[in-house]
All heavy atoms as atom14 arrays in JSON, in Angstrom:
{
  "sequence": "YRAAYDFSLNEIMNEEPEVLCKDSFKDLHNARKVIFVGNGAEKFK",
  "atom14_mask": [
    [1, 1, 1, 1, 1, 1, 1, 1, 1, 1, 1, 1, 0, 0],
    [1, 1, 1, 1, 1, 1, 1, 1, 1, 1, 1, 0, 0, 0],
    [1, 1, 1, 1, 1, 0, 0, 0, 0, 0, 0, 0, 0, 0],
    [1, 1, 1, 1, 1, 0, 0, 0, 0, 0, 0, 0, 0, 0],
    [1, 1, 1, 1, 1, 1, 1, 1, 1, 1, 1, 1, 0, 0],
    [1, 1, 1, 1, 1, 1, 1, 1, 0, 0, 0, 0, 0, 0],
    [1, 1, 1, 1, 1, 1, 1, 1, 1, 1, 1, 0, 0, 0],
    [1, 1, 1, 1, 1, 1, 0, 0, 0, 0, 0, 0, 0, 0],
    [1, 1, 1, 1, 1, 1, 1, 1, 0, 0, 0, 0, 0, 0],
    [1, 1, 1, 1, 1, 1, 1, 1, 0, 0, 0, 0, 0, 0],
    [1, 1, 1, 1, 1, 1, 1, 1, 1, 0, 0, 0, 0, 0],
    [1, 1, 1, 1, 1, 1, 1, 1, 0, 0, 0, 0, 0, 0],
    [1, 1, 1, 1, 1, 1, 1, 1, 0, 0, 0, 0, 0, 0],
    [1, 1, 1, 1, 1, 1, 1, 1, 0, 0, 0, 0, 0, 0],
    [1, 1, 1, 1, 1, 1, 1, 1, 1, 0, 0, 0, 0, 0],
    [1, 1, 1, 1, 1, 1, 1, 1, 1, 0, 0, 0, 0, 0],
    [1, 1, 1, 1, 1, 1, 1, 0, 0, 0, 0, 0, 0, 0],
    [1, 1, 1, 1, 1, 1, 1, 1, 1, 0, 0, 0, 0, 0],
    [1, 1, 1, 1, 1, 1, 1, 0, 0, 0, 0, 0, 0, 0],
    [1, 1, 1, 1, 1, 1, 1, 1, 0, 0, 0, 0, 0, 0],
    [1, 1, 1, 1, 1, 1, 0, 0, 0, 0, 0, 0, 0, 0],
    [1, 1, 1, 1, 1, 1, 1, 1, 1, 0, 0, 0, 0, 0],
    [1, 1, 1, 1, 1, 1, 1, 1, 0, 0, 0, 0, 0, 0],
    [1, 1, 1, 1, 1, 1, 0, 0, 0, 0, 0, 0, 0, 0],
    [1, 1, 1, 1, 1, 1, 1, 1, 1, 1, 1, 0, 0, 0],
    [1, 1, 1, 1, 1, 1, 1, 1, 1, 0, 0, 0, 0, 0],
    [1, 1, 1, 1, 1, 1, 1, 1, 0, 0, 0, 0, 0, 0],
    [1, 1, 1, 1, 1, 1, 1, 1, 0, 0, 0, 0, 0, 0],
    [1, 1, 1, 1, 1, 1, 1, 1, 1, 1, 0, 0, 0, 0],
    [1, 1, 1, 1, 1, 1, 1, 1, 0, 0, 0, 0, 0, 0],
    [1, 1, 1, 1, 1, 0, 0, 0, 0, 0, 0, 0, 0, 0],
    [1, 1, 1, 1, 1, 1, 1, 1, 1, 1, 1, 0, 0, 0],
    [1, 1, 1, 1, 1, 1, 1, 1, 1, 0, 0, 0, 0, 0],
    [1, 1, 1, 1, 1, 1, 1, 0, 0, 0, 0, 0, 0, 0],
    [1, 1, 1, 1, 1, 1, 1, 1, 0, 0, 0, 0, 0, 0],
    [1, 1, 1, 1, 1, 1, 1, 1, 1, 1, 1, 0, 0, 0],
    [1, 1, 1, 1, 1, 1, 1, 0, 0, 0, 0, 0, 0, 0],
    [1, 1, 1, 1, 0, 0, 0, 0, 0, 0, 0, 0, 0, 0],
    [1, 1, 1, 1, 1, 1, 1, 1, 0, 0, 0, 0, 0, 0],
    [1, 1, 1, 1, 0, 0, 0, 0, 0, 0, 0, 0, 0, 0],
    [1, 1, 1, 1, 1, 0, 0, 0, 0, 0, 0, 0, 0, 0],
    [1, 1, 1, 1, 1, 1, 1, 1, 1, 0, 0, 0, 0, 0],
    [1, 1, 1, 1, 1, 1, 1, 1, 1, 0, 0, 0, 0, 0],
    [1, 1, 1, 1, 1, 1, 1, 1, 1, 1, 1, 0, 0, 0],
    [1, 1, 1, 1, 1, 1, 1, 1, 1, 0, 0, 0, 0, 0]
  ],
  "atom14_positions": [
    [[181.08, 81.91, 98.28], [181.28, 80.98, 97.18], [182.42, 80.06, 97.62], [183.47, 80.52, 98.05], [181.7, 81.72, 95.9], [180.75, 82.81, 95.5], [181.19, 84.13, 95.37], [179.41, 82.54, 95.22], [180.32, 85.14, 94.99], [178.54, 83.55, 94.84], [179.01, 84.84, 94.72], [178.15, 85.85, 94.35], [0.0, 0.0, 0.0], [0.0, 0.0, 0.0]],
    [[182.22, 78.76, 97.48], [183.23, 77.85, 98.01], [183.37, 76.61, 97.13], [182.52, 76.28, 96.3], [182.88, 77.46, 99.44], [181.49, 76.82, 99.63], [181.45, 75.38, 99.24], [180.2, 74.71, 99.57], [179.73, 73.66, 98.89], [180.38, 73.2, 97.84], [178.59, 73.1, 99.24], [0.0, 0.0, 0.0], [0.0, 0.0, 0.0], [0.0, 0.0, 0.0]],
    [[184.49, 75.92, 97.36], [184.74, 74.6, 96.79], [185.72, 73.92, 97.73], [186.18, 74.53, 98.7], [185.32, 74.71, 95.39], [0.0, 0.0, 0.0], [0.0, 0.0, 0.0], [0.0, 0.0, 0.0], [0.0, 0.0, 0.0], [0.0, 0.0, 0.0], [0.0, 0.0, 0.0], [0.0, 0.0, 0.0], [0.0, 0.0, 0.0], [0.0, 0.0, 0.0]],
    [[186.02, 72.66, 97.48], [187.03, 71.95, 98.27], [187.83, 71.06, 97.33], [187.26, 70.39, 96.47], [186.38, 71.13, 99.38], [0.0, 0.0, 0.0], [0.0, 0.0, 0.0], [0.0, 0.0, 0.0], [0.0, 0.0, 0.0], [0.0, 0.0, 0.0], [0.0, 0.0, 0.0], [0.0, 0.0, 0.0], [0.0, 0.0, 0.0], [0.0, 0.0, 0.0]],
    [[189.16, 71.08, 97.5], [190.06, 70.33, 96.62], [191.06, 69.53, 97.42], [191.47, 69.94, 98.52], [190.86, 71.29, 95.73], [190.03, 72.22, 94.87], [189.7, 73.49, 95.33], [189.59, 71.84, 93.61], [188.95, 74.36, 94.54], [188.84, 72.7, 92.82], [188.52, 73.96, 93.3], [187.78, 74.82, 92.52], [0.0, 0.0, 0.0], [0.0, 0.0, 0.0]],
    [[191.48, 68.39, 96.85], [192.64, 67.71, 97.41], [193.88, 68.2, 96.66], [193.8, 69.1, 95.83], [192.48, 66.18, 97.32], [192.42, 65.65, 95.88], [192.8, 66.36, 94.94], [191.98, 64.49, 95.72], [0.0, 0.0, 0.0], [0.0, 0.0, 0.0], [0.0, 0.0, 0.0], [0.0, 0.0, 0.0], [0.0, 0.0, 0.0], [0.0, 0.0, 0.0]],
    [[195.03, 67.62, 96.95], [196.28, 68.13, 96.38], [196.48, 67.71, 94.92], [197.45, 68.12, 94.29], [197.47, 67.7, 97.23], [197.9, 68.75, 98.22], [197.06, 69.14, 99.24], [199.14, 69.37, 98.09], [197.44, 70.12, 100.14], [199.53, 70.35, 98.98], [198.68, 70.74, 100.01], [0.0, 0.0, 0.0], [0.0, 0.0, 0.0], [0.0, 0.0, 0.0]],
    [[195.56, 66.93, 94.39], [195.56, 66.64, 92.95], [194.54, 67.51, 92.22], [194.27, 67.31, 91.04], [195.26, 65.16, 92.7], [196.27, 64.34, 93.24], [0.0, 0.0, 0.0], [0.0, 0.0, 0.0], [0.0, 0.0, 0.0], [0.0, 0.0, 0.0], [0.0, 0.0, 0.0], [0.0, 0.0, 0.0], [0.0, 0.0, 0.0], [0.0, 0.0, 0.0]],
    [[193.96, 68.47, 92.95], [192.92, 69.37, 92.45], [191.64, 68.63, 92.06], [190.87, 69.12, 91.24], [193.43, 70.22, 91.28], [194.46, 71.28, 91.64], [194.87, 72.06, 90.39], [193.94, 72.24, 92.7], [0.0, 0.0, 0.0], [0.0, 0.0, 0.0], [0.0, 0.0, 0.0], [0.0, 0.0, 0.0], [0.0, 0.0, 0.0], [0.0, 0.0, 0.0]],
    [[191.42, 67.46, 92.65], [190.12, 66.81, 92.52], [189.13, 67.55, 93.41], [189.47, 67.94, 94.54], [190.21, 65.34, 92.94], [191.14, 64.54, 92.07], [191.05, 64.6, 90.85], [192.03, 63.79, 92.68], [0.0, 0.0, 0.0], [0.0, 0.0, 0.0], [0.0, 0.0, 0.0], [0.0, 0.0, 0.0], [0.0, 0.0, 0.0], [0.0, 0.0, 0.0]],
    [[187.91, 67.74, 92.93], [186.91, 68.44, 93.71], [186.31, 67.52, 94.77], [185.65, 66.54, 94.45], [185.79, 68.98, 92.81], [186.18, 70.23, 92.03], [184.97, 70.87, 91.37], [183.93, 70.2, 91.23], [185.07, 72.04, 90.99], [0.0, 0.0, 0.0], [0.0, 0.0, 0.0], [0.0, 0.0, 0.0], [0.0, 0.0, 0.0], [0.0, 0.0, 0.0]],
    [[186.53, 67.85, 96.04], [185.88, 67.15, 97.14], [184.47, 67.71, 97.31], [183.53, 66.99, 97.63], [186.67, 67.32, 98.44], [188.13, 66.92, 98.25], [186.03, 66.53, 99.58], [188.35, 65.5, 97.87], [0.0, 0.0, 0.0], [0.0, 0.0, 0.0], [0.0, 0.0, 0.0], [0.0, 0.0, 0.0], [0.0, 0.0, 0.0], [0.0, 0.0, 0.0]],
    [[184.35, 69.01, 97.09], [183.04, 69.68, 97.08], [183.01, 70.57, 95.84], [183.99, 71.25, 95.53], [182.83, 70.53, 98.33], [182.85, 69.75, 99.63], [182.68, 70.81, 101.11], [180.92, 71.2, 100.99], [0.0, 0.0, 0.0], [0.0, 0.0, 0.0], [0.0, 0.0, 0.0], [0.0, 0.0, 0.0], [0.0, 0.0, 0.0], [0.0, 0.0, 0.0]],
    [[181.91, 70.57, 95.12], [181.77, 71.38, 93.91], [181.73, 72.86, 94.25], [181.44, 73.26, 95.37], [180.5, 70.99, 93.16], [180.53, 69.57, 92.63], [181.6, 69.02, 92.39], [179.36, 68.98, 92.48], [0.0, 0.0, 0.0], [0.0, 0.0, 0.0], [0.0, 0.0, 0.0], [0.0, 0.0, 0.0], [0.0, 0.0, 0.0], [0.0, 0.0, 0.0]],
    [[181.98, 73.68, 93.24], [181.85, 75.13, 93.39], [180.37, 75.48, 93.55], [179.56, 75.2, 92.67], [182.41, 75.85, 92.17], [183.9, 75.68, 91.99], [184.43, 76.53, 90.85], [183.62, 77.24, 90.2], [185.65, 76.51, 90.62], [0.0, 0.0, 0.0], [0.0, 0.0, 0.0], [0.0, 0.0, 0.0], [0.0, 0.0, 0.0], [0.0, 0.0, 0.0]],
    [[180.03, 76.08, 94.68], [178.64, 76.46, 94.94], [178.6, 77.64, 95.9], [179.52, 77.82, 96.71], [177.86, 75.3, 95.56], [177.58, 74.14, 94.64], [176.79, 73.03, 95.32], [176.67, 73.06, 96.57], [176.29, 72.14, 94.62], [0.0, 0.0, 0.0], [0.0, 0.0, 0.0], [0.0, 0.0, 0.0], [0.0, 0.0, 0.0], [0.0, 0.0, 0.0]],
    [[177.52, 78.42, 95.87], [177.29, 79.38, 96.94], [176.77, 78.65, 98.17], [176.07, 77.64, 98.04], [176.24, 80.33, 96.36], [175.52, 79.52, 95.33], [176.5, 78.52, 94.8], [0.0, 0.0, 0.0], [0.0, 0.0, 0.0], [0.0, 0.0, 0.0], [0.0, 0.0, 0.0], [0.0, 0.0, 0.0], [0.0, 0.0, 0.0], [0.0, 0.0, 0.0]],
    [[177.11, 79.12, 99.35], [176.63, 78.49, 100.57], [176.45, 79.53, 101.66], [177.31, 80.4, 101.86], [177.62, 77.43, 101.05], [177.19, 76.76, 102.36], [177.89, 75.45, 102.64], [178.41, 74.84, 101.69], [177.91, 75.03, 103.81], [0.0, 0.0, 0.0], [0.0, 0.0, 0.0], [0.0, 0.0, 0.0], [0.0, 0.0, 0.0], [0.0, 0.0, 0.0]],
    [[175.33, 79.44, 102.37], [175.1, 80.26, 103.55], [175.71, 79.53, 104.73], [175.3, 78.41, 105.07], [173.6, 80.52, 103.77], [173.39, 81.34, 105.05], [172.99, 81.25, 102.58], [0.0, 0.0, 0.0], [0.0, 0.0, 0.0], [0.0, 0.0, 0.0], [0.0, 0.0, 0.0], [0.0, 0.0, 0.0], [0.0, 0.0, 0.0], [0.0, 0.0, 0.0]],
    [[176.69, 80.13, 105.37], [177.44, 79.48, 106.43], [176.61, 79.28, 107.69], [175.86, 80.17, 108.1], [178.69, 80.29, 106.76], [179.71, 80.43, 105.63], [180.81, 81.4, 106.03], [180.3, 79.08, 105.26], [0.0, 0.0, 0.0], [0.0, 0.0, 0.0], [0.0, 0.0, 0.0], [0.0, 0.0, 0.0], [0.0, 0.0, 0.0], [0.0, 0.0, 0.0]],
    [[176.75, 78.12, 108.29], [176.12, 77.82, 109.59], [177.0, 76.79, 110.28], [178.01, 76.35, 109.74], [174.7, 77.3, 109.39], [174.62, 75.69, 108.57], [0.0, 0.0, 0.0], [0.0, 0.0, 0.0], [0.0, 0.0, 0.0], [0.0, 0.0, 0.0], [0.0, 0.0, 0.0], [0.0, 0.0, 0.0], [0.0, 0.0, 0.0], [0.0, 0.0, 0.0]],
    [[176.61, 76.37, 111.47], [177.45, 75.44, 112.24], [177.57, 74.08, 111.56], [178.52, 73.32, 111.83], [176.91, 75.28, 113.66], [175.52, 74.64, 113.75], [175.07, 74.55, 115.19], [173.69, 73.88, 115.31], [173.7, 72.49, 114.84], [0.0, 0.0, 0.0], [0.0, 0.0, 0.0], [0.0, 0.0, 0.0], [0.0, 0.0, 0.0], [0.0, 0.0, 0.0]],
    [[176.62, 73.75, 110.69], [176.67, 72.46, 110.0], [177.42, 72.51, 108.67], [177.55, 71.49, 107.99], [175.25, 71.94, 109.75], [174.53, 71.55, 111.03], [175.22, 71.08, 111.96], [173.3, 71.74, 111.11], [0.0, 0.0, 0.0], [0.0, 0.0, 0.0], [0.0, 0.0, 0.0], [0.0, 0.0, 0.0], [0.0, 0.0, 0.0], [0.0, 0.0, 0.0]],
    [[177.89, 73.69, 108.29], [178.64, 73.8, 107.04], [179.9, 72.94, 107.11], [180.6, 72.93, 108.13], [179.03, 75.25, 106.78], [177.89, 76.05, 106.56], [0.0, 0.0, 0.0], [0.0, 0.0, 0.0], [0.0, 0.0, 0.0], [0.0, 0.0, 0.0], [0.0, 0.0, 0.0], [0.0, 0.0, 0.0], [0.0, 0.0, 0.0], [0.0, 0.0, 0.0]],
    [[180.17, 72.2, 106.07], [181.35, 71.35, 105.94], [181.39, 70.23, 106.99], [182.45, 69.71, 107.31], [182.64, 72.19, 106.03], [182.65, 73.36, 105.09], [182.45, 74.64, 105.57], [182.84, 73.18, 103.73], [182.43, 75.73, 104.72], [182.84, 74.26, 102.87], [182.63, 75.53, 103.35], [0.0, 0.0, 0.0], [0.0, 0.0, 0.0], [0.0, 0.0, 0.0]],
    [[180.21, 69.85, 107.51], [180.19, 68.81, 108.54], [180.73, 67.48, 108.02], [181.26, 66.67, 108.8], [178.79, 68.63, 109.1], [177.75, 68.12, 108.1], [176.38, 67.99, 108.77], [175.33, 67.48, 107.77], [174.0, 67.36, 108.42], [0.0, 0.0, 0.0], [0.0, 0.0, 0.0], [0.0, 0.0, 0.0], [0.0, 0.0, 0.0], [0.0, 0.0, 0.0]],
    [[180.62, 67.25, 106.7], [181.15, 66.02, 106.14], [182.67, 66.0, 106.16], [183.29, 64.94, 105.97], [180.66, 65.84, 104.69], [179.16, 65.55, 104.62], [178.61, 65.12, 105.65], [178.57, 65.78, 103.56], [0.0, 0.0, 0.0], [0.0, 0.0, 0.0], [0.0, 0.0, 0.0], [0.0, 0.0, 0.0], [0.0, 0.0, 0.0], [0.0, 0.0, 0.0]],
    [[183.29, 67.16, 106.36], [184.74, 67.25, 106.4], [185.28, 67.31, 107.83], [186.49, 67.31, 108.03], [185.23, 68.49, 105.64], [184.8, 68.62, 104.17], [185.39, 69.89, 103.57], [185.24, 67.4, 103.36], [0.0, 0.0, 0.0], [0.0, 0.0, 0.0], [0.0, 0.0, 0.0], [0.0, 0.0, 0.0], [0.0, 0.0, 0.0], [0.0, 0.0, 0.0]],
    [[184.39, 67.39, 108.8], [184.83, 67.6, 110.19], [185.71, 66.47, 110.71], [186.6, 66.71, 111.52], [183.62, 67.77, 111.12], [182.97, 69.11, 110.99], [181.94, 69.52, 111.8], [183.22, 70.14, 110.16], [181.57, 70.75, 111.46], [182.34, 71.13, 110.46], [0.0, 0.0, 0.0], [0.0, 0.0, 0.0], [0.0, 0.0, 0.0], [0.0, 0.0, 0.0]],
    [[185.46, 65.28, 110.28], [186.24, 64.14, 110.79], [187.14, 63.55, 109.72], [187.63, 62.43, 109.86], [185.3, 63.05, 111.32], [184.49, 63.53, 112.51], [185.04, 64.12, 113.43], [183.19, 63.29, 112.49], [0.0, 0.0, 0.0], [0.0, 0.0, 0.0], [0.0, 0.0, 0.0], [0.0, 0.0, 0.0], [0.0, 0.0, 0.0], [0.0, 0.0, 0.0]],
    [[187.35, 64.32, 108.67], [188.23, 63.86, 107.61], [189.66, 64.34, 107.88], [190.03, 64.62, 109.01], [187.72, 64.37, 106.26], [0.0, 0.0, 0.0], [0.0, 0.0, 0.0], [0.0, 0.0, 0.0], [0.0, 0.0, 0.0], [0.0, 0.0, 0.0], [0.0, 0.0, 0.0], [0.0, 0.0, 0.0], [0.0, 0.0, 0.0], [0.0, 0.0, 0.0]],
    [[190.44, 64.46, 106.83], [191.81, 64.94, 106.98], [191.81, 66.41, 107.38], [190.75, 67.03, 107.46], [192.53, 64.75, 105.65], [192.62, 63.28, 105.33], [192.66, 62.86, 103.9], [192.54, 63.76, 102.81], [191.76, 63.5, 101.76], [190.97, 62.43, 101.76], [191.74, 64.3, 100.73], [0.0, 0.0, 0.0], [0.0, 0.0, 0.0], [0.0, 0.0, 0.0]],
    [[192.98, 66.96, 107.62], [193.07, 68.36, 107.98], [192.45, 69.22, 106.88], [192.67, 68.98, 105.69], [194.53, 68.77, 108.19], [194.71, 70.21, 108.66], [196.18, 70.58, 108.76], [196.87, 69.77, 109.83], [198.3, 70.2, 109.97], [0.0, 0.0, 0.0], [0.0, 0.0, 0.0], [0.0, 0.0, 0.0], [0.0, 0.0, 0.0], [0.0, 0.0, 0.0]],
    [[191.67, 70.21, 107.28], [190.98, 71.09, 106.33], [191.56, 72.49, 106.47], [191.62, 73.04, 107.57], [189.46, 71.12, 106.59], [188.77, 72.0, 105.56], [188.89, 69.7, 106.56], [0.0, 0.0, 0.0], [0.0, 0.0, 0.0], [0.0, 0.0, 0.0], [0.0, 0.0, 0.0], [0.0, 0.0, 0.0], [0.0, 0.0, 0.0], [0.0, 0.0, 0.0]],
    [[191.98, 73.07, 105.34], [192.57, 74.4, 105.33], [191.58, 75.36, 104.69], [191.28, 75.26, 103.5], [193.9, 74.43, 104.54], [194.82, 73.27, 104.96], [194.6, 75.78, 104.72], [195.25, 73.3, 106.4], [0.0, 0.0, 0.0], [0.0, 0.0, 0.0], [0.0, 0.0, 0.0], [0.0, 0.0, 0.0], [0.0, 0.0, 0.0], [0.0, 0.0, 0.0]],
    [[191.04, 76.29, 105.47], [190.1, 77.28, 104.97], [190.87, 78.55, 104.6], [191.64, 79.07, 105.41], [189.05, 77.61, 106.03], [188.19, 76.45, 106.42], [188.44, 75.72, 107.58], [187.12, 76.07, 105.63], [187.64, 74.64, 107.95], [186.31, 74.99, 105.97], [186.57, 74.28, 107.14], [0.0, 0.0, 0.0], [0.0, 0.0, 0.0], [0.0, 0.0, 0.0]],
    [[190.64, 79.04, 103.38], [191.4, 80.21, 102.92], [190.47, 81.21, 102.23], [189.38, 80.85, 101.74], [192.52, 79.8, 101.93], [193.49, 78.84, 102.6], [191.94, 79.17, 100.66], [0.0, 0.0, 0.0], [0.0, 0.0, 0.0], [0.0, 0.0, 0.0], [0.0, 0.0, 0.0], [0.0, 0.0, 0.0], [0.0, 0.0, 0.0], [0.0, 0.0, 0.0]],
    [[190.88, 82.46, 102.22], [190.13, 83.5, 101.52], [189.31, 84.37, 102.45], [189.12, 84.06, 103.63], [0.0, 0.0, 0.0], [0.0, 0.0, 0.0], [0.0, 0.0, 0.0], [0.0, 0.0, 0.0], [0.0, 0.0, 0.0], [0.0, 0.0, 0.0], [0.0, 0.0, 0.0], [0.0, 0.0, 0.0], [0.0, 0.0, 0.0], [0.0, 0.0, 0.0]],
    [[188.8, 85.49, 101.9], [188.05, 86.42, 102.75], [186.71, 85.87, 103.21], [186.15, 86.34, 104.19], [187.87, 87.77, 102.04], [187.1, 87.65, 100.72], [186.62, 86.58, 100.36], [187.0, 88.75, 100.0], [0.0, 0.0, 0.0], [0.0, 0.0, 0.0], [0.0, 0.0, 0.0], [0.0, 0.0, 0.0], [0.0, 0.0, 0.0], [0.0, 0.0, 0.0]],
    [[186.2, 84.86, 102.53], [184.97, 84.22, 103.0], [185.22, 83.3, 104.18], [184.34, 83.1, 105.02], [0.0, 0.0, 0.0], [0.0, 0.0, 0.0], [0.0, 0.0, 0.0], [0.0, 0.0, 0.0], [0.0, 0.0, 0.0], [0.0, 0.0, 0.0], [0.0, 0.0, 0.0], [0.0, 0.0, 0.0], [0.0, 0.0, 0.0], [0.0, 0.0, 0.0]],
    [[186.43, 82.74, 104.24], [186.76, 81.82, 105.33], [186.9, 82.54, 106.66], [186.63, 81.97, 107.71], [188.04, 81.07, 105.0], [0.0, 0.0, 0.0], [0.0, 0.0, 0.0], [0.0, 0.0, 0.0], [0.0, 0.0, 0.0], [0.0, 0.0, 0.0], [0.0, 0.0, 0.0], [0.0, 0.0, 0.0], [0.0, 0.0, 0.0], [0.0, 0.0, 0.0]],
    [[187.33, 83.78, 106.61], [187.61, 84.52, 107.84], [186.37, 84.66, 108.73], [186.46, 84.61, 109.95], [188.2, 85.88, 107.49], [189.57, 85.76, 106.83], [190.02, 87.05, 106.16], [189.43, 88.11, 106.46], [190.96, 87.0, 105.35], [0.0, 0.0, 0.0], [0.0, 0.0, 0.0], [0.0, 0.0, 0.0], [0.0, 0.0, 0.0], [0.0, 0.0, 0.0]],
    [[185.2, 84.82, 108.12], [183.99, 85.0, 108.91], [183.39, 83.66, 109.35], [182.37, 83.64, 110.03], [182.96, 85.82, 108.15], [182.45, 85.19, 106.85], [181.54, 86.18, 106.14], [181.0, 85.62, 104.83], [180.15, 86.61, 104.12], [0.0, 0.0, 0.0], [0.0, 0.0, 0.0], [0.0, 0.0, 0.0], [0.0, 0.0, 0.0], [0.0, 0.0, 0.0]],
    [[184.02, 82.56, 108.96], [183.53, 81.23, 109.34], [184.18, 80.73, 110.63], [183.74, 79.76, 111.21], [183.8, 80.25, 108.19], [183.26, 78.87, 108.41], [181.95, 78.66, 108.79], [184.08, 77.76, 108.24], [181.45, 77.38, 108.99], [183.6, 76.48, 108.43], [182.28, 76.28, 108.81], [0.0, 0.0, 0.0], [0.0, 0.0, 0.0], [0.0, 0.0, 0.0]],
    [[185.22, 81.42, 111.08], [185.97, 80.96, 112.25], [185.08, 80.76, 113.48], [185.19, 79.75, 114.17], [187.07, 81.97, 112.59], [188.4, 81.69, 111.94], [189.45, 82.63, 112.51], [190.82, 82.27, 112.01], [191.86, 83.14, 112.59], [0.0, 0.0, 0.0], [0.0, 0.0, 0.0], [0.0, 0.0, 0.0], [0.0, 0.0, 0.0], [0.0, 0.0, 0.0]]
  ]
}
């Protein structure tokens, strides 16, 4: 289960379930620094 927020807590990505793959978060790959957190993030490394 994931979402993405900026520092004003605006949703960059809505809260949704996602099956992780190499293309996950590809829209964020060339954006600002992305901080992945939580026990779901650990298996995405």
